[in-house]
Protein backbone atom coordinates (compact mmCIF):
# COMPACT_ATOMS: atom_id res chain seq x y z
CA UNK A 1 43.07 50.13 57.81
CA UNK A 2 42.10 51.18 61.33
CA UNK A 3 43.95 50.12 64.47
CA UNK A 4 40.91 48.17 65.62
CA UNK A 5 40.94 46.05 62.46
CA UNK A 6 44.73 45.56 62.62
CA UNK A 7 44.47 44.36 66.23
CA UNK A 8 41.61 42.02 65.37
CA UNK A 9 43.57 40.57 62.46
CA UNK A 10 46.69 40.05 64.58
CA UNK A 11 44.76 38.37 67.40
CA UNK A 12 42.82 36.12 65.02
CA UNK A 13 46.00 35.08 63.17
CA UNK A 14 47.74 34.09 66.42
CA UNK A 15 44.77 32.05 67.60
CA UNK A 16 44.37 30.30 64.23
CA UNK A 17 48.08 29.47 64.03
CA UNK A 18 47.97 28.10 67.56
CA UNK A 19 45.02 25.91 66.57
CA UNK A 20 46.97 24.48 63.60
CA UNK A 21 49.93 23.65 65.84
CA UNK A 22 47.76 21.25 67.82
CA UNK A 23 48.04 18.83 64.86
CA UNK A 24 51.19 16.73 64.55
CA UNK A 25 53.59 17.13 61.65
CA UNK A 26 51.75 19.99 59.96
CA UNK A 27 53.42 22.53 57.70
CA UNK A 28 53.83 24.98 60.59
CA UNK A 29 56.13 22.38 62.19
CA UNK A 30 58.74 22.96 59.52
CA UNK A 31 57.85 20.94 56.42
CA UNK A 32 55.39 21.01 53.57
CA UNK A 33 52.19 19.01 53.28
CA UNK A 34 51.04 17.44 49.99
CA UNK A 35 49.90 20.03 47.47
CA UNK A 36 46.33 19.36 46.28
CA UNK A 37 46.87 21.10 42.94
CA UNK A 38 49.96 18.97 42.31
CA UNK A 39 48.05 15.79 43.19
CA UNK A 40 45.29 16.72 40.72
CA UNK A 41 47.92 17.37 38.03
CA UNK A 42 49.60 14.02 38.77
CA UNK A 43 46.23 12.28 38.53
CA UNK A 44 45.50 13.88 35.16
CA UNK A 45 48.91 12.89 33.80
CA UNK A 46 48.52 9.33 35.04
CA UNK A 47 45.16 9.15 33.28
CA UNK A 48 46.86 10.25 30.05
CA UNK A 49 49.49 7.54 30.59
CA UNK A 50 46.76 4.91 30.95
CA UNK A 51 45.28 5.96 27.60
CA UNK A 52 48.21 7.08 25.39
CA UNK A 53 47.15 9.40 22.61
CA UNK A 54 44.15 10.74 24.56
CA UNK A 55 43.80 13.75 26.87
CA UNK A 56 47.00 15.68 27.62
CA UNK A 57 49.20 13.50 25.40
CA UNK A 58 48.85 14.51 21.71
CA UNK A 59 48.17 11.59 19.36
CA UNK A 60 51.29 12.32 17.32
CA UNK A 61 53.38 11.74 20.46
CA UNK A 62 51.90 8.29 21.01
CA UNK A 63 55.26 6.53 21.29
CA UNK A 64 57.56 5.02 23.93
CA UNK A 65 59.77 8.11 24.18
CA UNK A 66 56.87 10.48 24.87
CA UNK A 67 55.29 8.04 27.31
CA UNK A 68 58.60 7.58 29.12
CA UNK A 69 59.05 11.34 29.36
CA UNK A 70 55.60 11.78 30.89
CA UNK A 71 56.20 8.90 33.31
CA UNK A 72 59.53 10.40 34.37
CA UNK A 73 58.04 13.80 35.16
CA UNK A 74 55.02 12.42 36.97
CA UNK A 75 57.20 10.02 38.99
CA UNK A 76 59.47 12.84 40.12
CA UNK A 77 56.51 14.95 41.28
CA UNK A 78 54.82 11.95 42.89
CA UNK A 79 58.00 11.24 44.86
CA UNK A 80 57.99 14.81 46.19
CA UNK A 81 54.33 14.61 47.19
CA UNK A 82 54.68 11.10 48.62
CA UNK A 83 57.58 12.22 50.78
CA UNK A 84 55.49 15.12 52.09
CA UNK A 85 52.61 12.76 52.89
CA UNK A 86 54.87 10.26 54.63
CA UNK A 87 56.44 13.03 56.74
CA UNK A 88 53.10 13.21 58.55
CA UNK A 89 53.71 9.70 59.92
CA UNK A 90 57.49 9.17 60.01
CA UNK A 91 60.88 11.00 60.14
CA UNK A 92 62.42 12.59 57.04
CA UNK A 93 65.00 9.91 56.28
CA UNK A 94 62.42 7.13 56.53
CA UNK A 95 59.92 9.18 54.50
CA UNK A 96 62.42 9.59 51.65
CA UNK A 97 63.27 5.88 51.61
CA UNK A 98 59.63 4.77 51.71
CA UNK A 99 58.58 7.33 49.08
CA UNK A 100 61.27 6.08 46.70
CA UNK A 101 60.21 2.47 47.21
CA UNK A 102 56.50 3.23 46.83
CA UNK A 103 56.89 5.26 43.64
CA UNK A 104 59.16 2.66 42.03
CA UNK A 105 56.70 -0.14 42.82
CA UNK A 106 53.74 1.97 41.73
CA UNK A 107 55.29 2.67 38.31
CA UNK A 108 56.12 -1.01 37.85
CA UNK A 109 52.44 -1.89 38.39
CA UNK A 110 51.05 0.62 35.88
CA UNK A 111 50.98 -1.89 32.98
CA UNK A 112 48.76 -4.15 35.13
CA UNK A 113 46.44 -1.22 35.88
CA UNK A 114 46.25 -0.44 32.17
CA UNK A 115 45.25 -4.01 31.35
CA UNK A 116 42.39 -4.09 33.86
CA UNK A 117 41.22 -0.64 32.71
CA UNK A 118 40.92 -2.10 29.21
CA UNK A 119 38.37 -4.55 30.64
CA UNK A 120 36.46 -1.67 32.22
CA UNK A 121 36.32 0.14 28.88
CA UNK A 122 34.98 -3.04 27.30
CA UNK A 123 32.35 -3.45 30.04
CA UNK A 124 31.10 0.10 29.58
CA UNK A 125 31.05 -0.14 25.79
CA UNK A 126 29.37 -3.54 25.56
CA UNK A 127 26.97 -2.80 28.43
CA UNK A 128 25.62 0.55 27.24
CA UNK A 129 23.70 0.69 23.95
CA UNK A 130 24.16 4.49 23.97
CA UNK A 131 27.96 4.15 23.71
CA UNK A 132 29.02 5.26 20.22
CA UNK A 133 32.48 3.67 20.44
CA UNK A 134 35.24 2.76 22.87
CA UNK A 135 36.77 6.15 22.13
CA UNK A 136 33.48 7.72 23.23
CA UNK A 137 33.70 5.76 26.49
CA UNK A 138 37.30 6.82 27.19
CA UNK A 139 36.71 10.49 26.43
CA UNK A 140 33.24 11.00 27.86
CA UNK A 141 32.10 8.54 30.50
CA UNK A 142 32.26 9.73 34.12
CA UNK A 143 32.15 6.12 35.29
CA UNK A 144 35.43 5.37 33.55
CA UNK A 145 37.07 8.51 34.93
CA UNK A 146 36.11 7.50 38.47
CA UNK A 147 37.20 3.90 37.94
CA UNK A 148 40.53 4.99 36.42
CA UNK A 149 41.37 7.23 39.35
CA UNK A 150 40.24 4.55 41.78
CA UNK A 151 42.47 1.88 40.21
CA UNK A 152 45.50 4.16 40.32
CA UNK A 153 44.84 5.31 43.88
CA UNK A 154 44.17 1.72 45.02
CA UNK A 155 47.73 0.74 44.14
CA UNK A 156 49.12 3.59 46.24
CA UNK A 157 46.70 2.66 49.05
CA UNK A 158 47.89 -0.95 49.09
CA UNK A 159 51.51 0.26 49.14
CA UNK A 160 50.81 2.16 52.36
CA UNK A 161 50.93 5.74 51.11
CA UNK A 162 48.79 7.99 53.34
CA UNK A 163 46.65 10.99 52.37
CA UNK A 164 47.34 11.03 48.61
CA UNK A 165 45.05 8.14 47.55
CA UNK A 166 42.11 9.88 49.21
CA UNK A 167 43.04 13.19 47.59
CA UNK A 168 42.99 11.47 44.20
CA UNK A 169 39.60 9.81 44.67
CA UNK A 170 38.11 13.05 46.02
CA UNK A 171 39.21 14.76 42.81
CA UNK A 172 37.27 12.12 40.85
CA UNK A 173 34.34 12.47 43.27
CA UNK A 174 34.28 16.22 42.69
CA UNK A 175 34.34 15.75 38.90
CA UNK A 176 31.84 12.88 38.59
CA UNK A 177 29.72 12.62 41.74
CA UNK A 178 31.06 9.06 42.15
CA UNK A 179 32.77 8.34 45.49
CA UNK A 180 34.97 5.23 45.43
CA UNK A 181 37.25 4.78 48.42
CA UNK A 182 40.78 3.79 47.39
CA UNK A 183 40.67 0.85 49.79
CA UNK A 184 37.83 -0.97 48.05
CA UNK A 185 38.74 -4.15 46.16
CA UNK A 186 37.12 -4.26 42.72
CA UNK A 187 37.43 -6.94 40.06
CA UNK A 188 37.70 -6.63 36.30
CA UNK A 189 35.05 -5.56 33.77
CA UNK A 190 33.55 -3.07 36.23
CA UNK A 191 30.61 -1.01 34.93
CA UNK A 192 29.21 2.22 36.40
CA UNK A 193 26.50 3.79 34.25
CA UNK A 194 25.50 7.45 34.72
CA UNK A 195 27.12 7.22 38.14
CA UNK A 196 26.06 10.34 40.02
CA UNK A 197 25.59 9.56 43.70
CA UNK A 198 27.38 6.19 43.69
CA UNK A 199 29.20 5.53 46.99
CA UNK A 200 31.58 2.59 47.50
CA UNK A 201 33.08 2.26 50.97
CA UNK A 202 36.63 1.40 51.96
CA UNK A 203 36.15 -2.29 52.82
CA UNK A 204 33.81 -3.12 49.94
CA UNK A 205 34.74 -6.18 47.88
CA UNK A 206 33.37 -6.43 44.33
CA UNK A 207 33.79 -9.35 41.93
CA UNK A 208 34.12 -9.41 38.15
CA UNK A 209 31.52 -8.21 35.63
CA UNK A 210 29.58 -6.15 38.18
CA UNK A 211 27.23 -3.35 37.06
CA UNK A 212 26.19 -0.39 39.22
CA UNK A 213 23.78 2.38 38.27
CA UNK A 214 23.35 5.89 39.64
CA UNK A 215 22.60 6.46 43.30
CA UNK A 216 23.87 3.07 44.51
CA UNK A 217 25.37 2.95 48.01
CA UNK A 218 27.67 0.15 49.14
CA UNK A 219 28.04 1.34 52.70
CA UNK A 220 28.28 0.57 56.41
CA UNK A 221 25.36 -0.20 58.70
CA UNK A 222 26.71 2.05 61.44
CA UNK A 223 29.83 4.12 62.08
CA UNK A 224 28.93 5.26 65.59
CA UNK A 225 32.17 3.83 66.97
CA UNK A 226 34.09 6.09 64.60
CA UNK A 227 37.82 5.48 64.33
CA UNK A 228 37.55 2.42 66.57
CA UNK A 229 36.23 0.64 63.45
CA UNK A 230 39.46 1.18 61.52
CA UNK A 231 40.47 -2.10 59.88
CA UNK A 232 37.07 -3.72 60.52
CA UNK A 233 35.11 -4.87 57.46
CA UNK A 234 32.16 -2.49 57.42
CA UNK A 235 30.99 -2.66 53.81
CA UNK A 236 29.39 -5.42 51.72
CA UNK A 237 30.81 -8.05 49.39
CA UNK A 238 29.38 -8.46 45.88
CA UNK A 239 30.04 -11.60 43.88
CA UNK A 240 30.56 -11.94 40.13
CA UNK A 241 28.05 -10.70 37.54
CA UNK A 242 25.94 -8.80 40.07
CA UNK A 243 23.76 -5.93 38.82
CA UNK A 244 22.60 -3.19 41.21
CA UNK A 245 20.03 -0.76 39.83
CA UNK A 246 19.54 2.91 40.62
CA UNK A 247 19.03 4.07 44.18
CA UNK A 248 19.68 0.72 45.86
CA UNK A 249 21.56 0.55 49.17
CA UNK A 250 23.52 -2.52 50.27
CA UNK A 251 24.93 -2.14 53.76
CA UNK A 252 27.06 -4.01 56.28
CA UNK A 253 30.38 -5.83 56.44
CA UNK A 254 28.72 -9.23 56.83
CA UNK A 255 26.37 -8.68 53.87
CA UNK A 256 27.29 -10.88 50.91
CA UNK A 257 25.53 -10.72 47.56
CA UNK A 258 25.97 -13.98 45.67
CA UNK A 259 26.99 -14.43 42.06
CA UNK A 260 24.49 -13.50 39.34
CA UNK A 261 22.14 -11.56 41.65
CA UNK A 262 20.02 -8.63 40.53
CA UNK A 263 19.26 -5.91 43.09
CA UNK A 264 16.34 -3.76 41.98
CA UNK A 265 16.00 0.01 42.17
CA UNK A 266 15.63 1.54 45.65
CA UNK A 267 16.07 -1.81 47.40
CA UNK A 268 17.47 -1.59 50.94
CA UNK A 269 19.56 -4.69 51.65
CA UNK A 270 21.22 -5.37 55.01
CA UNK A 271 21.48 -9.16 54.87
CA UNK A 272 23.16 -11.68 52.62
CA UNK A 273 21.51 -12.78 49.38
CA UNK A 274 22.09 -16.25 47.84
CA UNK A 275 23.36 -16.58 44.27
CA UNK A 276 21.03 -16.10 41.30
CA UNK A 277 18.45 -14.13 43.30
CA UNK A 278 16.40 -11.13 42.23
CA UNK A 279 15.72 -8.60 45.01
CA UNK A 280 13.09 -5.92 44.43
CA UNK A 281 10.68 -3.68 46.29
CA UNK A 282 7.02 -4.49 46.10
CA UNK A 283 5.51 -2.28 43.42
CA UNK A 284 4.09 0.96 44.80
CA UNK A 285 0.46 1.69 44.11
CA UNK A 286 0.00 4.62 41.77
CA UNK A 287 -3.14 6.76 41.87
CA UNK A 288 -4.36 8.63 38.77
CA UNK A 289 -6.97 11.35 39.03
CA UNK A 290 -8.10 13.55 36.19
CA UNK A 291 -7.86 17.23 37.09
CA UNK A 292 -10.46 19.86 36.21
CA UNK A 293 -9.17 22.71 34.01
CA UNK A 294 -9.42 25.16 36.92
CA UNK A 295 -7.34 22.88 39.14
CA UNK A 296 -4.72 22.50 36.40
CA UNK A 297 -4.41 26.25 35.92
CA UNK A 298 -3.89 26.81 39.65
CA UNK A 299 -1.55 23.86 40.17
């Protein structure tokens, strides 16, 4: 390597390291940050815990001992990663204490998460005529993967753990194309069919027995104020038994969709809708014109 390249590398490295040091509590300040690969592995193991006998846990090990062993290993790794995440916002001693408390409470809530996930499996199976079985849903449906990761990350979010819940949901987003913020509050029997392009914002509230199809956005009207909007309800509220079809957008923190509403495909809703209301776009006019053979060949 030439001296010119060596000098360029040295100068660039110094400048880039200096840039990183402008952020508080980063790894260059003397401690590790959460490891994305470890978070993904924790998420996968937690998914296997939610559905014993599926995924990483062999069916023949579907027993309390094997489940306890998996829970022990994932809890130990989660504690390490939680401590690293908390070190970005508090001193080491406090981070260790909070991480221990968060992980213990998180593990104690896993049976509750498993119960509500059973309702989601049922919603997907009973709501989709293409579903071969509940096993098919658990193994194959991207909607259930995204919902599973969301429900796990939501518990950590409510317990005040920074960074990691978002890392978990971004893993699911990457795998499924479904983006559910860990802060959203979602009821039981939740159904996402196909799913690609679904976006559910942080302050969204969703009732029970709600169905969403691909391309649905439950978003904010405007985020121009940026971080000043932290803690402000920016996303809509959906009541019970609401169905939102493909491509629809429902926006705004004051927007409330009443129980038993049906929001049609590609609808753009920015105001509240009373219960038992169907919202749809006026049908577009389609034009049909027969093409001459020459036109068809050159099309």
